[in-house]
Amino acid sequence: MTPTPRQVLFLGHGAERTGPPLHLAHLLGWLARERAVDAHVVVARGGDLVDDYRRLGAQVTVAARGREPLDPLPAAIRRVAGPESARAATSILRRARLVRTRPGDLIYLNAVSLPTLALLDAIPRRGARLLVHVHELGIGLGSVPADDLSRLLGTADALVAASHAVADELETVWSVDPRRLTVAHELVDVGGVPRAAQATGRAEARRRLGAGPATVLLGSVGLPDWRKAPEHLLGALWRLRRDRPDLDLRVAWIGGDRRSVDGRRLADEARRLGLADRVRHVDHVEDPAALLGGLDVFVLPSREDAFPLAVLEAAAAGLPVVSFASGGVPELVDSSLGRIVPYPDVVALAAAIGELADDPALRQQLGRAGAARVAERHDVAVGAPRTWAVAESLMEGRA
């Protein structure tokens, strides 16, 4: 007799092609192949992945109608009565739209943010177990009021941390009992990431990113915001241009919007440093992994990253990685597949980049090692079962 599928409600802040929403897409794909699960995804705002979630068999509800963060009605209320009234109207609309949503056997909160907590608050729990997957460190967690975060962490039946760095944050700062906490590193679909060593598409990607035949192209992926700290990468490039004018080095920043405040700041810093002709900012693209094949070195200049998908994709593509020793990146990257330098030592960052720029054979060696490690430890087929084991233990009453 075929068992009744488990009913799982997944809550997410959005459906854009960024870390937590992509994690959910990978997990849903694995579940569609390996488990009998009736999946319902509720996201605070829409995005490219909504159709992907549906193709993977999930029912999908987008809580907001109109441009994020407000529906047309609350947006009008904000103009007339201010932000507090708009937030109240948004809450009322959200609850009305989600009042009939069934929590099922398990609520899987995919990321800790104001939108996901608002969704959780709008849906009657009705005895469903609650699993909270924490993809954030201090900066991300700090976007949620401390009382709300403390209450969420205290009421969750179990928590999954995206890295040991996240687990340490939860234990030391938020006093989470380690017995309720499981570390399951982020995952990536290794088969869906083009290898940088493949000739197909590399020339086109390099042309698009402004690289010539002799260029050593440095790249990073993400919003060019304060947390991702693109100014560190530009500072390293400035030092290398000053000290090593023989190197044809260029930077491609992939993600965000050139017209946004962060995009304009990135362009302004490049201009001030005399690097405007050596920095290419590519707006958000549906599949940034397709551009990784044009890079020579992936650089993560972030102030903080829990365990970024961008680094996993870069390593899976066969790129050496240079990063600061912050967050969870050192749990993946070591001297056998890249270079880790102390934060915020931009001089050391520049030196590490220069070492790899000088040695194509070393870049290939590190890139091969990185691709092998990601395939072994972080592919969907390896990582999804670790995460889902926590969910199954809750639904079976073992946690």
Protein backbone atom coordinates (compact mmCIF):
# COMPACT_ATOMS: atom_id res chain seq x y z
CA MET A 1 0.00 0.00 0.00
CA THR A 2 1.40 3.39 -0.99
CA PRO A 3 2.02 5.59 2.08
CA THR A 4 0.21 8.92 2.33
CA PRO A 5 2.63 11.70 1.35
CA ARG A 6 3.80 13.97 4.13
CA GLN A 7 2.35 17.47 3.89
CA VAL A 8 5.06 20.11 4.24
CA LEU A 9 4.63 23.87 4.15
CA PHE A 10 7.76 25.73 3.03
CA LEU A 11 8.00 29.43 3.86
CA GLY A 12 10.43 31.71 2.04
CA HIS A 13 11.10 35.41 1.73
CA GLY A 14 11.17 35.32 -2.08
CA ALA A 15 11.74 33.31 -5.23
CA GLU A 16 14.70 35.12 -6.78
CA ARG A 17 17.80 33.21 -7.85
CA THR A 18 19.76 33.82 -4.65
CA GLY A 19 20.98 31.57 -1.85
CA PRO A 20 17.99 30.39 0.27
CA PRO A 21 15.43 30.34 -2.59
CA LEU A 22 17.84 28.31 -4.73
CA HIS A 23 18.50 26.00 -1.79
CA LEU A 24 14.76 25.36 -1.66
CA ALA A 25 14.64 24.66 -5.40
CA HIS A 26 17.43 22.09 -5.05
CA LEU A 27 15.69 20.50 -2.06
CA LEU A 28 12.33 20.33 -3.85
CA GLY A 29 14.00 18.70 -6.85
CA TRP A 30 15.58 16.06 -4.67
CA LEU A 31 12.29 15.45 -2.83
CA ALA A 32 10.44 15.02 -6.13
CA ARG A 33 12.87 12.22 -7.00
CA GLU A 34 13.41 10.58 -3.63
CA ARG A 35 10.48 11.16 -1.24
CA ALA A 36 6.69 11.21 -1.21
CA VAL A 37 6.00 14.78 -0.10
CA ASP A 38 3.01 17.04 -0.72
CA ALA A 39 4.84 20.36 -0.88
CA HIS A 40 3.24 23.79 -0.58
CA VAL A 41 5.55 26.78 -0.95
CA VAL A 42 4.48 30.19 0.35
CA VAL A 43 6.77 33.12 -0.50
CA ALA A 44 6.45 36.74 0.57
CA ARG A 45 7.27 37.96 -2.93
CA GLY A 46 7.54 36.38 -6.35
CA GLY A 47 10.50 35.79 -8.62
CA ASP A 48 12.06 33.63 -11.32
CA LEU A 49 11.90 30.47 -9.24
CA VAL A 50 8.11 30.39 -8.81
CA ASP A 51 7.71 28.50 -12.09
CA ASP A 52 10.61 26.20 -11.12
CA TYR A 53 8.92 25.34 -7.83
CA ARG A 54 5.73 24.50 -9.68
CA ARG A 55 7.55 22.36 -12.23
CA LEU A 56 8.99 20.43 -9.32
CA GLY A 57 5.48 19.54 -8.16
CA ALA A 58 4.92 22.12 -5.43
CA GLN A 59 1.83 24.21 -4.96
CA VAL A 60 2.99 27.83 -4.78
CA THR A 61 1.37 30.85 -3.15
CA VAL A 62 2.82 34.34 -3.50
CA ALA A 63 1.61 36.38 -0.52
CA ALA A 64 2.20 39.83 -2.04
CA ARG A 65 0.39 41.16 -5.08
CA GLY A 66 2.08 44.04 -6.78
CA ARG A 67 5.58 45.34 -6.42
CA GLU A 68 7.48 44.26 -3.29
CA PRO A 69 7.41 45.18 -0.49
CA LEU A 70 3.84 46.51 -0.63
CA ASP A 71 0.61 45.65 -2.39
CA PRO A 72 -0.98 48.55 -4.26
CA LEU A 73 -3.41 49.26 -1.40
CA PRO A 74 -0.81 49.45 1.41
CA ALA A 75 1.45 51.46 -0.89
CA ALA A 76 -1.32 54.04 -1.27
CA ILE A 77 -1.92 54.00 2.49
CA ARG A 78 1.77 54.64 3.11
CA ARG A 79 1.67 57.76 0.94
CA VAL A 80 -1.32 59.10 2.86
CA ALA A 81 -0.93 57.81 6.43
CA GLY A 82 2.72 56.74 6.77
CA PRO A 83 4.70 53.47 7.12
CA GLU A 84 3.06 52.20 10.32
CA SER A 85 -0.39 52.25 8.76
CA ALA A 86 1.00 50.60 5.62
CA ARG A 87 2.56 47.78 7.67
CA ALA A 88 -0.74 47.21 9.47
CA ALA A 89 -2.62 47.04 6.16
CA THR A 90 -0.04 44.62 4.74
CA SER A 91 -0.42 42.36 7.79
CA ILE A 92 -4.21 42.32 7.47
CA LEU A 93 -4.05 41.48 3.75
CA ARG A 94 -1.45 38.76 4.32
CA ARG A 95 -3.51 37.09 7.04
CA ALA A 96 -6.64 37.23 4.90
CA ARG A 97 -4.87 35.59 1.95
CA LEU A 98 -3.23 32.88 4.03
CA VAL A 99 -5.99 32.13 6.54
CA ARG A 100 -6.92 28.90 4.75
CA THR A 101 -3.35 27.73 4.30
CA ARG A 102 -2.87 24.32 5.88
CA PRO A 103 0.38 23.89 7.83
CA GLY A 104 0.38 20.12 7.24
CA ASP A 105 2.79 17.88 9.15
CA LEU A 106 5.73 20.29 9.09
CA ILE A 107 6.45 23.98 8.60
CA TYR A 108 9.89 24.47 7.08
CA LEU A 109 11.00 28.09 7.56
CA ASN A 110 13.68 28.60 4.92
CA ALA A 111 15.70 31.61 6.18
CA VAL A 112 15.25 33.96 9.12
CA SER A 113 14.03 37.35 7.93
CA LEU A 114 11.23 39.82 8.53
CA PRO A 115 9.21 38.46 5.55
CA THR A 116 9.48 34.81 6.62
CA LEU A 117 8.56 35.62 10.21
CA ALA A 118 5.57 37.61 8.96
CA LEU A 119 4.41 34.60 6.94
CA LEU A 120 4.83 32.31 9.93
CA ASP A 121 2.81 34.72 12.07
CA ALA A 122 0.00 34.81 9.50
CA ILE A 123 -0.49 31.03 9.27
CA PRO A 124 -2.18 29.03 12.07
CA ARG A 125 0.30 26.40 13.21
CA ARG A 126 -2.33 23.86 14.33
CA GLY A 127 0.13 21.47 15.91
CA ALA A 128 2.53 21.24 12.97
CA ARG A 129 6.19 20.82 13.83
CA LEU A 130 8.45 23.77 13.06
CA LEU A 131 11.88 23.43 11.44
CA VAL A 132 13.91 26.63 11.05
CA HIS A 133 16.74 26.61 8.51
CA VAL A 134 19.13 29.42 9.41
CA HIS A 135 21.17 30.70 6.45
CA GLU A 136 22.23 33.92 8.20
CA LEU A 137 24.95 35.23 10.50
CA GLY A 138 24.96 38.34 12.67
CA ILE A 139 24.23 40.94 10.00
CA GLY A 140 21.34 38.97 8.55
CA LEU A 141 19.93 37.94 11.91
CA GLY A 142 20.22 41.55 13.04
CA SER A 143 17.52 42.55 10.54
CA VAL A 144 14.97 40.85 12.82
CA PRO A 145 13.98 42.45 16.17
CA ALA A 146 15.79 40.64 18.98
CA ASP A 147 12.59 39.71 20.84
CA ASP A 148 11.04 38.20 17.70
CA LEU A 149 14.20 36.29 16.88
CA SER A 150 14.56 34.97 20.42
CA ARG A 151 10.94 33.81 20.39
CA LEU A 152 11.36 32.06 17.02
CA LEU A 153 14.54 30.25 18.07
CA GLY A 154 12.90 29.23 21.34
CA THR A 155 9.72 27.82 19.79
CA ALA A 156 11.31 25.96 16.87
CA ASP A 157 11.24 22.20 17.29
CA ALA A 158 14.61 21.92 15.53
CA LEU A 159 17.05 24.14 13.69
CA VAL A 160 19.38 23.55 10.75
CA ALA A 161 22.46 25.77 10.50
CA ALA A 162 24.01 26.44 7.10
CA SER A 163 27.54 26.21 8.54
CA HIS A 164 29.42 25.69 11.78
CA ALA A 165 29.85 29.47 11.91
CA VAL A 166 26.07 29.86 11.98
CA ALA A 167 25.78 27.17 14.65
CA ASP A 168 28.36 28.95 16.80
CA GLU A 169 26.43 32.21 16.43
CA LEU A 170 23.18 30.56 17.49
CA GLU A 171 24.76 28.84 20.46
CA THR A 172 26.94 31.65 21.80
CA VAL A 173 24.82 34.72 21.02
CA TRP A 174 21.30 33.30 21.15
CA SER A 175 21.80 30.45 23.68
CA VAL A 176 20.34 27.79 21.39
CA ASP A 177 20.72 24.31 22.88
CA PRO A 178 23.13 22.44 20.56
CA ARG A 179 20.98 19.32 20.96
CA ARG A 180 18.27 21.09 18.92
CA LEU A 181 20.72 22.15 16.23
CA THR A 182 22.09 20.34 13.17
CA VAL A 183 24.76 21.66 10.80
CA ALA A 184 23.97 20.92 7.16
CA HIS A 185 26.11 22.91 4.76
CA GLU A 186 24.55 24.62 1.77
CA LEU A 187 24.27 22.57 -1.39
CA VAL A 188 24.57 23.05 -5.13
CA ASP A 189 23.54 21.17 -8.25
CA VAL A 190 27.04 20.30 -9.43
CA GLY A 191 25.77 18.96 -12.75
CA GLY A 192 24.13 22.29 -13.54
CA VAL A 193 27.28 24.41 -13.13
CA PRO A 194 29.37 24.84 -16.30
CA ARG A 195 33.05 24.08 -15.80
CA ALA A 196 35.41 27.03 -16.34
CA ALA A 197 37.84 24.72 -18.13
CA GLN A 198 35.32 24.01 -20.91
CA ALA A 199 35.94 25.99 -24.07
CA THR A 200 32.23 26.13 -24.96
CA GLY A 201 30.83 29.49 -23.90
CA ARG A 202 34.05 30.72 -22.28
CA ALA A 203 34.98 33.11 -25.06
CA GLU A 204 31.48 34.61 -25.14
CA ALA A 205 31.41 34.98 -21.35
CA ARG A 206 34.79 36.72 -21.37
CA ARG A 207 33.70 39.06 -24.15
CA ARG A 208 30.57 39.93 -22.19
CA LEU A 209 32.65 40.57 -19.07
CA GLY A 210 35.17 42.79 -20.85
CA ALA A 211 38.17 40.45 -20.79
CA GLY A 212 40.79 40.18 -23.53
CA PRO A 213 42.94 37.12 -24.35
CA ALA A 214 45.67 38.12 -21.85
CA THR A 215 43.33 39.34 -19.11
CA VAL A 216 43.27 37.67 -15.72
CA LEU A 217 39.61 38.15 -14.90
CA LEU A 218 38.59 38.37 -11.25
CA GLY A 219 34.93 37.96 -10.42
CA SER A 220 32.38 37.97 -7.64
CA VAL A 221 28.63 37.34 -7.52
CA GLY A 222 26.00 39.00 -5.36
CA LEU A 223 24.42 42.29 -4.47
CA PRO A 224 27.17 44.93 -4.26
CA ASP A 225 26.00 45.97 -0.80
CA TRP A 226 27.75 46.74 2.49
CA ARG A 227 27.82 43.08 3.59
CA LYS A 228 29.34 41.88 0.31
CA ALA A 229 31.89 44.75 0.47
CA PRO A 230 32.94 45.16 -3.18
CA GLU A 231 35.19 48.06 -2.12
CA HIS A 232 37.63 45.50 -0.67
CA LEU A 233 38.00 43.89 -4.09
CA LEU A 234 38.45 47.27 -5.77
CA GLY A 235 41.05 48.19 -3.16
CA ALA A 236 43.00 45.03 -3.89
CA LEU A 237 42.80 45.71 -7.64
CA TRP A 238 44.06 49.27 -7.09
CA ARG A 239 47.11 47.99 -5.19
CA LEU A 240 47.89 45.42 -7.84
CA ARG A 241 47.57 47.99 -10.62
CA ARG A 242 49.99 50.24 -8.73
CA ASP A 243 52.52 47.53 -7.84
CA ARG A 244 52.12 45.17 -10.82
CA PRO A 245 51.34 47.24 -13.91
CA ASP A 246 52.54 44.30 -16.00
CA LEU A 247 49.39 42.34 -15.10
CA ASP A 248 46.24 42.84 -17.16
CA LEU A 249 43.75 42.47 -14.29
CA ARG A 250 40.04 43.24 -14.51
CA VAL A 251 37.04 42.76 -12.23
CA ALA A 252 33.56 41.54 -13.12
CA TRP A 253 30.90 42.05 -10.46
CA ILE A 254 27.85 39.95 -11.32
CA GLY A 255 24.57 40.81 -9.61
CA GLY A 256 22.49 43.67 -8.35
CA ASP A 257 21.46 46.71 -10.36
CA ARG A 258 23.85 49.34 -11.71
CA ARG A 259 21.13 51.96 -11.20
CA SER A 260 20.62 51.15 -7.51
CA VAL A 261 22.31 53.05 -4.69
CA ASP A 262 24.80 50.19 -4.22
CA GLY A 263 25.42 49.97 -7.95
CA ARG A 264 26.13 53.68 -8.19
CA ARG A 265 28.47 53.49 -5.20
CA LEU A 266 30.39 50.66 -6.85
CA ALA A 267 30.77 52.69 -10.05
CA ASP A 268 31.79 55.80 -8.11
CA GLU A 269 34.48 53.93 -6.14
CA ALA A 270 35.87 52.43 -9.35
CA ARG A 271 36.03 55.92 -10.87
CA ARG A 272 37.75 57.43 -7.82
CA LEU A 273 40.38 54.70 -7.91
CA GLY A 274 41.00 55.18 -11.62
CA LEU A 275 39.59 51.74 -12.38
CA ALA A 276 36.44 52.61 -14.30
CA ASP A 277 37.77 50.92 -17.45
CA ARG A 278 38.74 47.79 -15.51
CA VAL A 279 35.55 47.11 -13.57
CA ARG A 280 32.48 45.65 -15.29
CA HIS A 281 29.23 45.52 -13.30
CA VAL A 282 26.79 43.06 -14.84
CA ASP A 283 23.23 43.47 -13.59
CA HIS A 284 21.36 40.51 -12.11
CA VAL A 285 21.10 37.66 -14.59
CA GLU A 286 18.86 34.61 -14.36
CA ASP A 287 21.81 32.21 -14.41
CA PRO A 288 25.03 33.83 -13.13
CA ALA A 289 26.71 30.41 -13.15
CA ALA A 290 26.81 30.63 -16.94
CA LEU A 291 29.21 33.57 -16.63
CA LEU A 292 31.55 31.82 -14.18
CA GLY A 293 33.25 30.06 -17.08
CA GLY A 294 34.65 33.41 -18.19
CA LEU A 295 36.48 34.05 -14.91
CA ASP A 296 40.00 33.07 -13.87
CA VAL A 297 39.75 33.68 -10.11
CA PHE A 298 36.69 34.02 -7.89
CA VAL A 299 37.09 36.57 -5.10
CA LEU A 300 34.74 36.88 -2.12
CA PRO A 301 35.43 40.20 -0.36
CA SER A 302 32.48 39.98 2.06
CA ARG A 303 32.42 41.24 5.59
CA GLU A 304 30.24 38.28 6.45
CA ASP A 305 28.85 35.24 4.65
CA ALA A 306 27.37 32.17 6.29
CA PHE A 307 28.25 29.68 3.53
CA PRO A 308 27.58 31.43 0.24
CA LEU A 309 26.12 29.63 -2.73
CA ALA A 310 28.27 31.80 -5.01
CA VAL A 311 31.46 30.24 -3.62
CA LEU A 312 30.05 26.72 -4.01
CA GLU A 313 29.14 27.42 -7.63
CA ALA A 314 32.53 29.00 -8.31
CA ALA A 315 34.40 26.05 -6.86
CA ALA A 316 32.11 23.60 -8.70
CA ALA A 317 32.97 25.48 -11.91
CA GLY A 318 36.65 24.78 -11.30
CA LEU A 319 37.67 28.25 -10.18
CA PRO A 320 40.21 28.93 -7.42
CA VAL A 321 38.67 31.00 -4.61
CA VAL A 322 40.24 33.88 -2.70
CA SER A 323 38.35 35.05 0.38
CA PHE A 324 38.64 36.63 3.76
CA ALA A 325 38.55 34.29 6.75
CA SER A 326 35.07 35.37 7.79
CA GLY A 327 31.86 33.46 8.30
CA GLY A 328 31.62 29.90 7.01
CA VAL A 329 33.85 30.17 3.93
CA PRO A 330 36.91 28.63 5.65
CA GLU A 331 34.81 25.48 6.17
CA LEU A 332 35.07 24.95 2.41
CA VAL A 333 38.13 26.88 1.21
CA ASP A 334 41.67 26.09 2.32
CA SER A 335 45.10 26.26 0.69
CA SER A 336 44.40 23.15 -1.39
CA LEU A 337 41.69 24.89 -3.42
CA GLY A 338 42.20 28.62 -2.89
CA ARG A 339 43.53 31.25 -0.54
CA ILE A 340 42.07 32.53 2.75
CA VAL A 341 43.43 35.77 4.22
CA PRO A 342 42.64 37.59 7.49
CA TYR A 343 39.78 40.07 7.45
CA PRO A 344 40.07 42.96 6.54
CA ASP A 345 43.65 42.74 5.24
CA VAL A 346 43.25 44.08 1.70
CA VAL A 347 47.03 43.98 1.21
CA ALA A 348 46.97 40.22 1.88
CA LEU A 349 43.94 39.89 -0.40
CA ALA A 350 45.86 41.61 -3.19
CA ALA A 351 48.91 39.38 -2.60
CA ALA A 352 46.80 36.23 -2.84
CA ILE A 353 45.21 37.43 -6.06
CA GLY A 354 48.61 38.34 -7.47
CA GLU A 355 50.00 34.88 -6.68
CA LEU A 356 47.21 33.21 -8.64
CA ALA A 357 47.36 35.75 -11.46
CA ASP A 358 51.03 34.84 -11.99
CA ASP A 359 50.48 31.09 -12.13
CA PRO A 360 47.90 29.62 -14.53
CA ALA A 361 48.96 26.07 -13.64
CA LEU A 362 48.30 26.74 -9.95
CA ARG A 363 44.88 28.15 -10.79
CA GLN A 364 44.00 24.99 -12.66
CA GLN A 365 45.30 22.77 -9.85
CA LEU A 366 43.29 24.60 -7.19
CA GLY A 367 40.23 24.70 -9.43
CA ARG A 368 40.28 20.93 -9.99
CA ALA A 369 40.59 20.33 -6.24
CA GLY A 370 37.67 22.68 -5.52
CA ALA A 371 35.39 21.03 -8.05
CA ALA A 372 36.17 17.60 -6.62
CA ARG A 373 35.48 18.74 -3.05
CA VAL A 374 32.15 20.33 -3.87
CA ALA A 375 31.04 17.24 -5.80
CA GLU A 376 32.04 15.02 -2.89
CA ARG A 377 30.55 17.06 -0.03
CA HIS A 378 28.02 19.59 -1.28
CA ASP A 379 26.19 18.23 -4.31
CA VAL A 380 22.41 18.04 -3.93
CA ALA A 381 22.53 14.23 -3.83
CA VAL A 382 24.86 14.44 -0.83
CA GLY A 383 23.58 17.52 1.01
CA ALA A 384 19.79 17.19 0.68
CA PRO A 385 19.54 13.93 2.66
CA ARG A 386 21.36 15.55 5.60
CA THR A 387 18.86 18.39 5.76
CA TRP A 388 15.82 16.24 5.16
CA ALA A 389 16.82 13.76 7.87
CA VAL A 390 16.05 16.50 10.42
CA ALA A 391 12.64 17.10 8.87
CA GLU A 392 11.81 13.39 8.85
CA SER A 393 12.85 12.99 12.47
CA LEU A 394 10.42 15.76 13.46
CA MET A 395 7.52 14.33 11.46
CA GLU A 396 8.16 10.87 12.90
CA GLY A 397 8.31 12.22 16.45
CA ARG A 398 11.97 11.40 17.03
CA ALA A 399 13.08 14.96 17.78
